[in-house]
mmCIF file of all heavy atoms, coordinates in Angstrom:
data_MODEL
# 
_entry.id   MODEL 
# 
loop_
_atom_site.group_PDB 
_atom_site.id 
_atom_site.type_symbol 
_atom_site.label_atom_id 
_atom_site.label_alt_id 
_atom_site.label_comp_id 
_atom_site.label_asym_id 
_atom_site.label_entity_id 
_atom_site.label_seq_id 
_atom_site.pdbx_PDB_ins_code 
_atom_site.Cartn_x 
_atom_site.Cartn_y 
_atom_site.Cartn_z 
_atom_site.occupancy 
_atom_site.B_iso_or_equiv 
_atom_site.pdbx_formal_charge 
_atom_site.auth_seq_id 
_atom_site.auth_comp_id 
_atom_site.auth_asym_id 
_atom_site.auth_atom_id 
_atom_site.pdbx_PDB_model_num 
ATOM 1   N N   . LEU A 1 1  ? 145.832 58.030 19.198 1.00 0.00 ? 1  LEU A N   1 
ATOM 2   C CA  . LEU A 1 1  ? 145.071 58.171 20.468 1.00 0.00 ? 1  LEU A CA  1 
ATOM 3   C C   . LEU A 1 1  ? 145.724 57.387 21.536 1.00 0.00 ? 1  LEU A C   1 
ATOM 4   O O   . LEU A 1 1  ? 145.968 56.206 21.298 1.00 0.00 ? 1  LEU A O   1 
ATOM 5   C CB  . LEU A 1 1  ? 143.657 57.792 20.283 1.00 0.00 ? 1  LEU A CB  1 
ATOM 6   C CG  . LEU A 1 1  ? 142.940 58.499 19.124 1.00 0.00 ? 1  LEU A CG  1 
ATOM 7   C CD1 . LEU A 1 1  ? 141.529 57.815 18.906 1.00 0.00 ? 1  LEU A CD1 1 
ATOM 8   C CD2 . LEU A 1 1  ? 142.768 59.976 19.314 1.00 0.00 ? 1  LEU A CD2 1 
ATOM 9   N N   . LEU A 1 2  ? 145.951 57.937 22.715 1.00 0.00 ? 2  LEU A N   1 
ATOM 10  C CA  . LEU A 1 2  ? 146.572 57.206 23.872 1.00 0.00 ? 2  LEU A CA  1 
ATOM 11  C C   . LEU A 1 2  ? 145.501 57.011 24.851 1.00 0.00 ? 2  LEU A C   1 
ATOM 12  O O   . LEU A 1 2  ? 145.062 57.963 25.541 1.00 0.00 ? 2  LEU A O   1 
ATOM 13  C CB  . LEU A 1 2  ? 147.793 57.988 24.360 1.00 0.00 ? 2  LEU A CB  1 
ATOM 14  C CG  . LEU A 1 2  ? 148.609 57.365 25.546 1.00 0.00 ? 2  LEU A CG  1 
ATOM 15  C CD1 . LEU A 1 2  ? 149.299 56.165 24.888 1.00 0.00 ? 2  LEU A CD1 1 
ATOM 16  C CD2 . LEU A 1 2  ? 149.579 58.330 26.069 1.00 0.00 ? 2  LEU A CD2 1 
ATOM 17  N N   . VAL A 1 3  ? 145.103 55.754 25.032 1.00 0.00 ? 3  VAL A N   1 
ATOM 18  C CA  . VAL A 1 3  ? 143.943 55.477 25.918 1.00 0.00 ? 3  VAL A CA  1 
ATOM 19  C C   . VAL A 1 3  ? 144.348 54.608 27.124 1.00 0.00 ? 3  VAL A C   1 
ATOM 20  O O   . VAL A 1 3  ? 144.954 53.550 26.931 1.00 0.00 ? 3  VAL A O   1 
ATOM 21  C CB  . VAL A 1 3  ? 142.766 54.815 25.182 1.00 0.00 ? 3  VAL A CB  1 
ATOM 22  C CG1 . VAL A 1 3  ? 143.165 53.459 24.538 1.00 0.00 ? 3  VAL A CG1 1 
ATOM 23  C CG2 . VAL A 1 3  ? 141.593 54.584 26.077 1.00 0.00 ? 3  VAL A CG2 1 
ATOM 24  N N   . MET A 1 4  ? 144.083 55.015 28.306 1.00 0.00 ? 4  MET A N   1 
ATOM 25  C CA  . MET A 1 4  ? 144.314 54.154 29.501 1.00 0.00 ? 4  MET A CA  1 
ATOM 26  C C   . MET A 1 4  ? 143.002 53.618 29.991 1.00 0.00 ? 4  MET A C   1 
ATOM 27  O O   . MET A 1 4  ? 141.935 54.161 29.593 1.00 0.00 ? 4  MET A O   1 
ATOM 28  C CB  . MET A 1 4  ? 144.964 55.030 30.571 1.00 0.00 ? 4  MET A CB  1 
ATOM 29  C CG  . MET A 1 4  ? 144.105 56.194 31.131 1.00 0.00 ? 4  MET A CG  1 
ATOM 30  S SD  . MET A 1 4  ? 144.718 56.863 32.738 1.00 0.00 ? 4  MET A SD  1 
ATOM 31  C CE  . MET A 1 4  ? 146.321 57.586 32.227 1.00 0.00 ? 4  MET A CE  1 
ATOM 32  N N   . PRO A 1 5  ? 143.015 52.647 30.919 1.00 0.00 ? 5  PRO A N   1 
ATOM 33  C CA  . PRO A 1 5  ? 141.823 52.171 31.439 1.00 0.00 ? 5  PRO A CA  1 
ATOM 34  C C   . PRO A 1 5  ? 141.227 53.261 32.389 1.00 0.00 ? 5  PRO A C   1 
ATOM 35  O O   . PRO A 1 5  ? 141.860 54.214 32.664 1.00 0.00 ? 5  PRO A O   1 
ATOM 36  C CB  . PRO A 1 5  ? 142.273 50.994 32.353 1.00 0.00 ? 5  PRO A CB  1 
ATOM 37  C CG  . PRO A 1 5  ? 143.578 50.653 31.754 1.00 0.00 ? 5  PRO A CG  1 
ATOM 38  C CD  . PRO A 1 5  ? 144.160 51.901 31.208 1.00 0.00 ? 5  PRO A CD  1 
ATOM 39  N N   . PRO A 1 6  ? 139.992 53.029 32.872 1.00 0.00 ? 6  PRO A N   1 
ATOM 40  C CA  . PRO A 1 6  ? 139.385 54.068 33.798 1.00 0.00 ? 6  PRO A CA  1 
ATOM 41  C C   . PRO A 1 6  ? 140.340 54.290 35.010 1.00 0.00 ? 6  PRO A C   1 
ATOM 42  O O   . PRO A 1 6  ? 141.045 53.333 35.452 1.00 0.00 ? 6  PRO A O   1 
ATOM 43  C CB  . PRO A 1 6  ? 138.128 53.422 34.227 1.00 0.00 ? 6  PRO A CB  1 
ATOM 44  C CG  . PRO A 1 6  ? 137.821 52.437 33.170 1.00 0.00 ? 6  PRO A CG  1 
ATOM 45  C CD  . PRO A 1 6  ? 139.110 51.940 32.656 1.00 0.00 ? 6  PRO A CD  1 
ATOM 46  N N   . TYR A 1 7  ? 140.376 55.453 35.535 1.00 0.00 ? 7  TYR A N   1 
ATOM 47  C CA  . TYR A 1 7  ? 141.189 55.755 36.750 1.00 0.00 ? 7  TYR A CA  1 
ATOM 48  C C   . TYR A 1 7  ? 140.351 56.137 37.883 1.00 0.00 ? 7  TYR A C   1 
ATOM 49  O O   . TYR A 1 7  ? 139.172 56.347 37.824 1.00 0.00 ? 7  TYR A O   1 
ATOM 50  C CB  . TYR A 1 7  ? 142.149 56.861 36.463 1.00 0.00 ? 7  TYR A CB  1 
ATOM 51  C CG  . TYR A 1 7  ? 141.565 58.177 35.845 1.00 0.00 ? 7  TYR A CG  1 
ATOM 52  C CD1 . TYR A 1 7  ? 141.089 59.160 36.653 1.00 0.00 ? 7  TYR A CD1 1 
ATOM 53  C CD2 . TYR A 1 7  ? 141.547 58.327 34.478 1.00 0.00 ? 7  TYR A CD2 1 
ATOM 54  C CE1 . TYR A 1 7  ? 140.552 60.303 36.108 1.00 0.00 ? 7  TYR A CE1 1 
ATOM 55  C CE2 . TYR A 1 7  ? 141.064 59.502 33.909 1.00 0.00 ? 7  TYR A CE2 1 
ATOM 56  C CZ  . TYR A 1 7  ? 140.578 60.483 34.710 1.00 0.00 ? 7  TYR A CZ  1 
ATOM 57  O OH  . TYR A 1 7  ? 140.003 61.638 34.180 1.00 0.00 ? 7  TYR A OH  1 
ATOM 58  N N   . PHE A 1 8  ? 140.918 56.181 39.058 1.00 0.00 ? 8  PHE A N   1 
ATOM 59  C CA  . PHE A 1 8  ? 140.376 56.495 40.347 1.00 0.00 ? 8  PHE A CA  1 
ATOM 60  C C   . PHE A 1 8  ? 139.658 55.289 40.942 1.00 0.00 ? 8  PHE A C   1 
ATOM 61  O O   . PHE A 1 8  ? 140.159 54.623 41.827 1.00 0.00 ? 8  PHE A O   1 
ATOM 62  C CB  . PHE A 1 8  ? 139.409 57.725 40.410 1.00 0.00 ? 8  PHE A CB  1 
ATOM 63  C CG  . PHE A 1 8  ? 139.163 58.165 41.778 1.00 0.00 ? 8  PHE A CG  1 
ATOM 64  C CD1 . PHE A 1 8  ? 139.992 58.910 42.525 1.00 0.00 ? 8  PHE A CD1 1 
ATOM 65  C CD2 . PHE A 1 8  ? 137.815 57.834 42.289 1.00 0.00 ? 8  PHE A CD2 1 
ATOM 66  C CE1 . PHE A 1 8  ? 139.658 59.273 43.846 1.00 0.00 ? 8  PHE A CE1 1 
ATOM 67  C CE2 . PHE A 1 8  ? 137.537 58.230 43.642 1.00 0.00 ? 8  PHE A CE2 1 
ATOM 68  C CZ  . PHE A 1 8  ? 138.474 58.949 44.396 1.00 0.00 ? 8  PHE A CZ  1 
ATOM 69  N N   . PHE A 1 9  ? 138.496 54.912 40.459 1.00 0.00 ? 9  PHE A N   1 
ATOM 70  C CA  . PHE A 1 9  ? 137.777 53.704 40.878 1.00 0.00 ? 9  PHE A CA  1 
ATOM 71  C C   . PHE A 1 9  ? 138.408 52.487 40.377 1.00 0.00 ? 9  PHE A C   1 
ATOM 72  O O   . PHE A 1 9  ? 138.975 52.424 39.179 1.00 0.00 ? 9  PHE A O   1 
ATOM 73  C CB  . PHE A 1 9  ? 136.317 53.725 40.465 1.00 0.00 ? 9  PHE A CB  1 
ATOM 74  C CG  . PHE A 1 9  ? 135.511 54.852 41.147 1.00 0.00 ? 9  PHE A CG  1 
ATOM 75  C CD1 . PHE A 1 9  ? 135.024 55.893 40.405 1.00 0.00 ? 9  PHE A CD1 1 
ATOM 76  C CD2 . PHE A 1 9  ? 135.284 54.815 42.418 1.00 0.00 ? 9  PHE A CD2 1 
ATOM 77  C CE1 . PHE A 1 9  ? 134.301 56.894 40.983 1.00 0.00 ? 9  PHE A CE1 1 
ATOM 78  C CE2 . PHE A 1 9  ? 134.581 55.930 43.074 1.00 0.00 ? 9  PHE A CE2 1 
ATOM 79  C CZ  . PHE A 1 9  ? 134.094 56.958 42.366 1.00 0.00 ? 9  PHE A CZ  1 
ATOM 80  N N   . ARG A 1 10 ? 138.502 51.389 41.138 1.00 0.00 ? 10 ARG A N   1 
ATOM 81  C CA  . ARG A 1 10 ? 139.177 50.157 40.746 1.00 0.00 ? 10 ARG A CA  1 
ATOM 82  C C   . ARG A 1 10 ? 138.277 49.173 40.116 1.00 0.00 ? 10 ARG A C   1 
ATOM 83  O O   . ARG A 1 10 ? 137.112 48.945 40.610 1.00 0.00 ? 10 ARG A O   1 
ATOM 84  C CB  . ARG A 1 10 ? 139.897 49.575 41.996 1.00 0.00 ? 10 ARG A CB  1 
ATOM 85  C CG  . ARG A 1 10 ? 141.051 50.437 42.458 1.00 0.00 ? 10 ARG A CG  1 
ATOM 86  C CD  . ARG A 1 10 ? 142.169 50.591 41.434 1.00 0.00 ? 10 ARG A CD  1 
ATOM 87  N NE  . ARG A 1 10 ? 143.162 51.486 41.884 1.00 0.00 ? 10 ARG A NE  1 
ATOM 88  C CZ  . ARG A 1 10 ? 144.140 51.911 41.151 1.00 0.00 ? 10 ARG A CZ  1 
ATOM 89  N NH1 . ARG A 1 10 ? 144.339 51.416 39.964 1.00 0.00 ? 10 ARG A NH1 1 
ATOM 90  N NH2 . ARG A 1 10 ? 145.064 52.790 41.586 1.00 0.00 ? 10 ARG A NH2 1 
ATOM 91  N N   . TYR A 1 11 ? 138.719 48.613 39.029 1.00 0.00 ? 11 TYR A N   1 
ATOM 92  C CA  . TYR A 1 11 ? 137.952 47.611 38.366 1.00 0.00 ? 11 TYR A CA  1 
ATOM 93  C C   . TYR A 1 11 ? 138.747 46.290 38.144 1.00 0.00 ? 11 TYR A C   1 
ATOM 94  O O   . TYR A 1 11 ? 139.964 46.415 38.135 1.00 0.00 ? 11 TYR A O   1 
ATOM 95  C CB  . TYR A 1 11 ? 137.495 48.115 36.980 1.00 0.00 ? 11 TYR A CB  1 
ATOM 96  C CG  . TYR A 1 11 ? 136.523 49.291 37.020 1.00 0.00 ? 11 TYR A CG  1 
ATOM 97  C CD1 . TYR A 1 11 ? 136.947 50.632 37.001 1.00 0.00 ? 11 TYR A CD1 1 
ATOM 98  C CD2 . TYR A 1 11 ? 135.181 49.078 37.260 1.00 0.00 ? 11 TYR A CD2 1 
ATOM 99  C CE1 . TYR A 1 11 ? 136.084 51.656 37.050 1.00 0.00 ? 11 TYR A CE1 1 
ATOM 100 C CE2 . TYR A 1 11 ? 134.227 50.145 37.336 1.00 0.00 ? 11 TYR A CE2 1 
ATOM 101 C CZ  . TYR A 1 11 ? 134.760 51.488 37.257 1.00 0.00 ? 11 TYR A CZ  1 
ATOM 102 O OH  . TYR A 1 11 ? 133.857 52.466 37.412 1.00 0.00 ? 11 TYR A OH  1 
ATOM 103 N N   . ALA A 1 12 ? 138.027 45.208 37.881 1.00 0.00 ? 12 ALA A N   1 
ATOM 104 C CA  . ALA A 1 12 ? 138.730 44.029 37.621 1.00 0.00 ? 12 ALA A CA  1 
ATOM 105 C C   . ALA A 1 12 ? 139.217 44.026 36.165 1.00 0.00 ? 12 ALA A C   1 
ATOM 106 O O   . ALA A 1 12 ? 138.734 44.850 35.317 1.00 0.00 ? 12 ALA A O   1 
ATOM 107 C CB  . ALA A 1 12 ? 137.770 42.816 37.827 1.00 0.00 ? 12 ALA A CB  1 
ATOM 108 N N   . GLN A 1 13 ? 140.078 43.089 35.801 1.00 0.00 ? 13 GLN A N   1 
ATOM 109 C CA  . GLN A 1 13 ? 140.607 42.994 34.430 1.00 0.00 ? 13 GLN A CA  1 
ATOM 110 C C   . GLN A 1 13 ? 139.541 42.736 33.412 1.00 0.00 ? 13 GLN A C   1 
ATOM 111 O O   . GLN A 1 13 ? 139.522 43.164 32.278 1.00 0.00 ? 13 GLN A O   1 
ATOM 112 C CB  . GLN A 1 13 ? 141.689 41.865 34.318 1.00 0.00 ? 13 GLN A CB  1 
ATOM 113 C CG  . GLN A 1 13 ? 142.932 42.319 34.917 1.00 0.00 ? 13 GLN A CG  1 
ATOM 114 C CD  . GLN A 1 13 ? 143.642 43.557 34.374 1.00 0.00 ? 13 GLN A CD  1 
ATOM 115 O OE1 . GLN A 1 13 ? 143.981 43.573 33.155 1.00 0.00 ? 13 GLN A OE1 1 
ATOM 116 N NE2 . GLN A 1 13 ? 143.735 44.584 35.151 1.00 0.00 ? 13 GLN A NE2 1 
ATOM 117 N N   . GLU A 1 14 ? 138.406 42.044 33.701 1.00 0.00 ? 14 GLU A N   1 
ATOM 118 C CA  . GLU A 1 14 ? 137.296 41.861 32.845 1.00 0.00 ? 14 GLU A CA  1 
ATOM 119 C C   . GLU A 1 14 ? 136.720 43.186 32.444 1.00 0.00 ? 14 GLU A C   1 
ATOM 120 O O   . GLU A 1 14 ? 136.426 43.406 31.279 1.00 0.00 ? 14 GLU A O   1 
ATOM 121 C CB  . GLU A 1 14 ? 136.271 41.004 33.464 1.00 0.00 ? 14 GLU A CB  1 
ATOM 122 C CG  . GLU A 1 14 ? 136.641 39.557 33.724 1.00 0.00 ? 14 GLU A CG  1 
ATOM 123 C CD  . GLU A 1 14 ? 137.450 39.371 34.969 1.00 0.00 ? 14 GLU A CD  1 
ATOM 124 O OE1 . GLU A 1 14 ? 137.765 40.304 35.689 1.00 0.00 ? 14 GLU A OE1 1 
ATOM 125 O OE2 . GLU A 1 14 ? 137.849 38.158 35.190 1.00 0.00 ? 14 GLU A OE2 1 
ATOM 126 N N   . GLU A 1 15 ? 136.558 44.188 33.394 1.00 0.00 ? 15 GLU A N   1 
ATOM 127 C CA  . GLU A 1 15 ? 136.072 45.500 33.058 1.00 0.00 ? 15 GLU A CA  1 
ATOM 128 C C   . GLU A 1 15 ? 137.054 46.298 32.231 1.00 0.00 ? 15 GLU A C   1 
ATOM 129 O O   . GLU A 1 15 ? 136.674 47.040 31.339 1.00 0.00 ? 15 GLU A O   1 
ATOM 130 C CB  . GLU A 1 15 ? 135.644 46.284 34.280 1.00 0.00 ? 15 GLU A CB  1 
ATOM 131 C CG  . GLU A 1 15 ? 134.342 45.854 34.928 1.00 0.00 ? 15 GLU A CG  1 
ATOM 132 C CD  . GLU A 1 15 ? 134.478 44.637 35.795 1.00 0.00 ? 15 GLU A CD  1 
ATOM 133 O OE1 . GLU A 1 15 ? 135.433 44.535 36.565 1.00 0.00 ? 15 GLU A OE1 1 
ATOM 134 O OE2 . GLU A 1 15 ? 133.490 43.764 35.724 1.00 0.00 ? 15 GLU A OE2 1 
ATOM 135 N N   . VAL A 1 16 ? 138.349 46.159 32.588 1.00 0.00 ? 16 VAL A N   1 
ATOM 136 C CA  . VAL A 1 16 ? 139.379 46.798 31.767 1.00 0.00 ? 16 VAL A CA  1 
ATOM 137 C C   . VAL A 1 16 ? 139.335 46.363 30.323 1.00 0.00 ? 16 VAL A C   1 
ATOM 138 O O   . VAL A 1 16 ? 139.325 47.192 29.449 1.00 0.00 ? 16 VAL A O   1 
ATOM 139 C CB  . VAL A 1 16 ? 140.759 46.536 32.460 1.00 0.00 ? 16 VAL A CB  1 
ATOM 140 C CG1 . VAL A 1 16 ? 141.914 47.093 31.491 1.00 0.00 ? 16 VAL A CG1 1 
ATOM 141 C CG2 . VAL A 1 16 ? 140.896 47.211 33.778 1.00 0.00 ? 16 VAL A CG2 1 
ATOM 142 N N   . ARG A 1 17 ? 139.192 45.089 30.079 1.00 0.00 ? 17 ARG A N   1 
ATOM 143 C CA  . ARG A 1 17 ? 139.149 44.585 28.722 1.00 0.00 ? 17 ARG A CA  1 
ATOM 144 C C   . ARG A 1 17 ? 137.958 45.039 28.065 1.00 0.00 ? 17 ARG A C   1 
ATOM 145 O O   . ARG A 1 17 ? 138.010 45.545 26.824 1.00 0.00 ? 17 ARG A O   1 
ATOM 146 C CB  . ARG A 1 17 ? 139.171 43.037 28.755 1.00 0.00 ? 17 ARG A CB  1 
ATOM 147 C CG  . ARG A 1 17 ? 140.545 42.419 28.917 1.00 0.00 ? 17 ARG A CG  1 
ATOM 148 C CD  . ARG A 1 17 ? 140.518 40.959 28.584 1.00 0.00 ? 17 ARG A CD  1 
ATOM 149 N NE  . ARG A 1 17 ? 139.640 40.176 29.546 1.00 0.00 ? 17 ARG A NE  1 
ATOM 150 C CZ  . ARG A 1 17 ? 140.123 39.684 30.627 1.00 0.00 ? 17 ARG A CZ  1 
ATOM 151 N NH1 . ARG A 1 17 ? 141.337 39.768 30.998 1.00 0.00 ? 17 ARG A NH1 1 
ATOM 152 N NH2 . ARG A 1 17 ? 139.301 38.988 31.417 1.00 0.00 ? 17 ARG A NH2 1 
ATOM 153 N N   . GLU A 1 18 ? 136.797 45.044 28.736 1.00 0.00 ? 18 GLU A N   1 
ATOM 154 C CA  . GLU A 1 18 ? 135.553 45.497 28.139 1.00 0.00 ? 18 GLU A CA  1 
ATOM 155 C C   . GLU A 1 18 ? 135.582 46.914 27.808 1.00 0.00 ? 18 GLU A C   1 
ATOM 156 O O   . GLU A 1 18 ? 135.162 47.387 26.649 1.00 0.00 ? 18 GLU A O   1 
ATOM 157 C CB  . GLU A 1 18 ? 134.391 45.206 29.065 1.00 0.00 ? 18 GLU A CB  1 
ATOM 158 C CG  . GLU A 1 18 ? 133.026 45.460 28.462 1.00 0.00 ? 18 GLU A CG  1 
ATOM 159 C CD  . GLU A 1 18 ? 132.676 44.365 27.468 1.00 0.00 ? 18 GLU A CD  1 
ATOM 160 O OE1 . GLU A 1 18 ? 133.357 43.308 27.353 1.00 0.00 ? 18 GLU A OE1 1 
ATOM 161 O OE2 . GLU A 1 18 ? 131.612 44.529 26.729 1.00 0.00 ? 18 GLU A OE2 1 
ATOM 162 N N   . PHE A 1 19 ? 136.073 47.744 28.650 1.00 0.00 ? 19 PHE A N   1 
ATOM 163 C CA  . PHE A 1 19 ? 136.257 49.195 28.439 1.00 0.00 ? 19 PHE A CA  1 
ATOM 164 C C   . PHE A 1 19 ? 137.092 49.527 27.107 1.00 0.00 ? 19 PHE A C   1 
ATOM 165 O O   . PHE A 1 19 ? 136.640 50.232 26.293 1.00 0.00 ? 19 PHE A O   1 
ATOM 166 C CB  . PHE A 1 19 ? 136.888 49.902 29.639 1.00 0.00 ? 19 PHE A CB  1 
ATOM 167 C CG  . PHE A 1 19 ? 137.008 51.361 29.518 1.00 0.00 ? 19 PHE A CG  1 
ATOM 168 C CD1 . PHE A 1 19 ? 136.100 52.239 30.042 1.00 0.00 ? 19 PHE A CD1 1 
ATOM 169 C CD2 . PHE A 1 19 ? 138.157 51.909 28.965 1.00 0.00 ? 19 PHE A CD2 1 
ATOM 170 C CE1 . PHE A 1 19 ? 136.280 53.617 29.959 1.00 0.00 ? 19 PHE A CE1 1 
ATOM 171 C CE2 . PHE A 1 19 ? 138.408 53.300 28.828 1.00 0.00 ? 19 PHE A CE2 1 
ATOM 172 C CZ  . PHE A 1 19 ? 137.480 54.110 29.356 1.00 0.00 ? 19 PHE A CZ  1 
ATOM 173 N N   . LEU A 1 20 ? 138.225 48.850 27.110 1.00 0.00 ? 20 LEU A N   1 
ATOM 174 C CA  . LEU A 1 20 ? 139.109 49.139 26.006 1.00 0.00 ? 20 LEU A CA  1 
ATOM 175 C C   . LEU A 1 20 ? 138.679 48.571 24.664 1.00 0.00 ? 20 LEU A C   1 
ATOM 176 O O   . LEU A 1 20 ? 138.775 49.208 23.622 1.00 0.00 ? 20 LEU A O   1 
ATOM 177 C CB  . LEU A 1 20 ? 140.492 48.593 26.360 1.00 0.00 ? 20 LEU A CB  1 
ATOM 178 C CG  . LEU A 1 20 ? 141.223 49.358 27.476 1.00 0.00 ? 20 LEU A CG  1 
ATOM 179 C CD1 . LEU A 1 20 ? 142.437 48.646 27.945 1.00 0.00 ? 20 LEU A CD1 1 
ATOM 180 C CD2 . LEU A 1 20 ? 141.534 50.754 27.104 1.00 0.00 ? 20 LEU A CD2 1 
ATOM 181 N N   . MET A 1 21 ? 138.044 47.435 24.665 1.00 0.00 ? 21 MET A N   1 
ATOM 182 C CA  . MET A 1 21 ? 137.483 46.863 23.435 1.00 0.00 ? 21 MET A CA  1 
ATOM 183 C C   . MET A 1 21 ? 136.306 47.651 22.964 1.00 0.00 ? 21 MET A C   1 
ATOM 184 O O   . MET A 1 21 ? 136.145 47.954 21.750 1.00 0.00 ? 21 MET A O   1 
ATOM 185 C CB  . MET A 1 21 ? 137.084 45.427 23.645 1.00 0.00 ? 21 MET A CB  1 
ATOM 186 C CG  . MET A 1 21 ? 138.207 44.421 23.734 1.00 0.00 ? 21 MET A CG  1 
ATOM 187 S SD  . MET A 1 21 ? 139.315 44.428 22.285 1.00 0.00 ? 21 MET A SD  1 
ATOM 188 C CE  . MET A 1 21 ? 138.326 43.590 21.101 1.00 0.00 ? 21 MET A CE  1 
ATOM 189 N N   . ARG A 1 22 ? 135.459 48.132 23.870 1.00 0.00 ? 22 ARG A N   1 
ATOM 190 C CA  . ARG A 1 22 ? 134.286 48.987 23.409 1.00 0.00 ? 22 ARG A CA  1 
ATOM 191 C C   . ARG A 1 22 ? 134.843 50.370 22.956 1.00 0.00 ? 22 ARG A C   1 
ATOM 192 O O   . ARG A 1 22 ? 134.202 50.899 21.931 1.00 0.00 ? 22 ARG A O   1 
ATOM 193 C CB  . ARG A 1 22 ? 133.321 49.220 24.578 1.00 0.00 ? 22 ARG A CB  1 
ATOM 194 C CG  . ARG A 1 22 ? 132.509 47.931 24.919 1.00 0.00 ? 22 ARG A CG  1 
ATOM 195 C CD  . ARG A 1 22 ? 131.319 48.231 25.677 1.00 0.00 ? 22 ARG A CD  1 
ATOM 196 N NE  . ARG A 1 22 ? 130.600 47.022 26.059 1.00 0.00 ? 22 ARG A NE  1 
ATOM 197 C CZ  . ARG A 1 22 ? 129.358 47.054 26.495 1.00 0.00 ? 22 ARG A CZ  1 
ATOM 198 N NH1 . ARG A 1 22 ? 128.613 48.184 26.563 1.00 0.00 ? 22 ARG A NH1 1 
ATOM 199 N NH2 . ARG A 1 22 ? 128.751 45.895 26.902 1.00 0.00 ? 22 ARG A NH2 1 
ATOM 200 N N   . PHE A 1 23 ? 135.899 50.816 23.529 1.00 0.00 ? 23 PHE A N   1 
ATOM 201 C CA  . PHE A 1 23 ? 136.419 52.012 22.990 1.00 0.00 ? 23 PHE A CA  1 
ATOM 202 C C   . PHE A 1 23 ? 137.023 51.786 21.600 1.00 0.00 ? 23 PHE A C   1 
ATOM 203 O O   . PHE A 1 23 ? 136.646 52.630 20.687 1.00 0.00 ? 23 PHE A O   1 
ATOM 204 C CB  . PHE A 1 23 ? 137.634 52.453 23.815 1.00 0.00 ? 23 PHE A CB  1 
ATOM 205 C CG  . PHE A 1 23 ? 138.409 53.676 23.372 1.00 0.00 ? 23 PHE A CG  1 
ATOM 206 C CD1 . PHE A 1 23 ? 137.979 54.920 23.663 1.00 0.00 ? 23 PHE A CD1 1 
ATOM 207 C CD2 . PHE A 1 23 ? 139.485 53.547 22.466 1.00 0.00 ? 23 PHE A CD2 1 
ATOM 208 C CE1 . PHE A 1 23 ? 138.609 56.117 23.163 1.00 0.00 ? 23 PHE A CE1 1 
ATOM 209 C CE2 . PHE A 1 23 ? 140.150 54.688 21.978 1.00 0.00 ? 23 PHE A CE2 1 
ATOM 210 C CZ  . PHE A 1 23 ? 139.691 55.899 22.343 1.00 0.00 ? 23 PHE A CZ  1 
ATOM 211 N N   . ALA A 1 24 ? 137.642 50.697 21.302 1.00 0.00 ? 24 ALA A N   1 
ATOM 212 C CA  . ALA A 1 24 ? 138.201 50.399 19.937 1.00 0.00 ? 24 ALA A CA  1 
ATOM 213 C C   . ALA A 1 24 ? 136.992 50.246 18.996 1.00 0.00 ? 24 ALA A C   1 
ATOM 214 O O   . ALA A 1 24 ? 137.084 50.559 17.796 1.00 0.00 ? 24 ALA A O   1 
ATOM 215 C CB  . ALA A 1 24 ? 139.005 49.108 20.009 1.00 0.00 ? 24 ALA A CB  1 
ATOM 216 N N   . ASP A 1 25 ? 135.901 49.725 19.469 1.00 0.00 ? 25 ASP A N   1 
ATOM 217 C CA  . ASP A 1 25 ? 134.737 49.524 18.534 1.00 0.00 ? 25 ASP A CA  1 
ATOM 218 C C   . ASP A 1 25 ? 134.207 50.851 18.063 1.00 0.00 ? 25 ASP A C   1 
ATOM 219 O O   . ASP A 1 25 ? 133.743 50.965 16.905 1.00 0.00 ? 25 ASP A O   1 
ATOM 220 C CB  . ASP A 1 25 ? 133.647 48.800 19.277 1.00 0.00 ? 25 ASP A CB  1 
ATOM 221 C CG  . ASP A 1 25 ? 133.908 47.310 19.481 1.00 0.00 ? 25 ASP A CG  1 
ATOM 222 O OD1 . ASP A 1 25 ? 134.743 46.779 18.757 1.00 0.00 ? 25 ASP A OD1 1 
ATOM 223 O OD2 . ASP A 1 25 ? 133.262 46.726 20.322 1.00 0.00 ? 25 ASP A OD2 1 
# 
């Protein structure tokens, strides 16, 4: 699975980490 952070709206690195870690969970 190839997963990128959310696109279009801009988020801080804290949200990027949270998004990807929750995805992995």
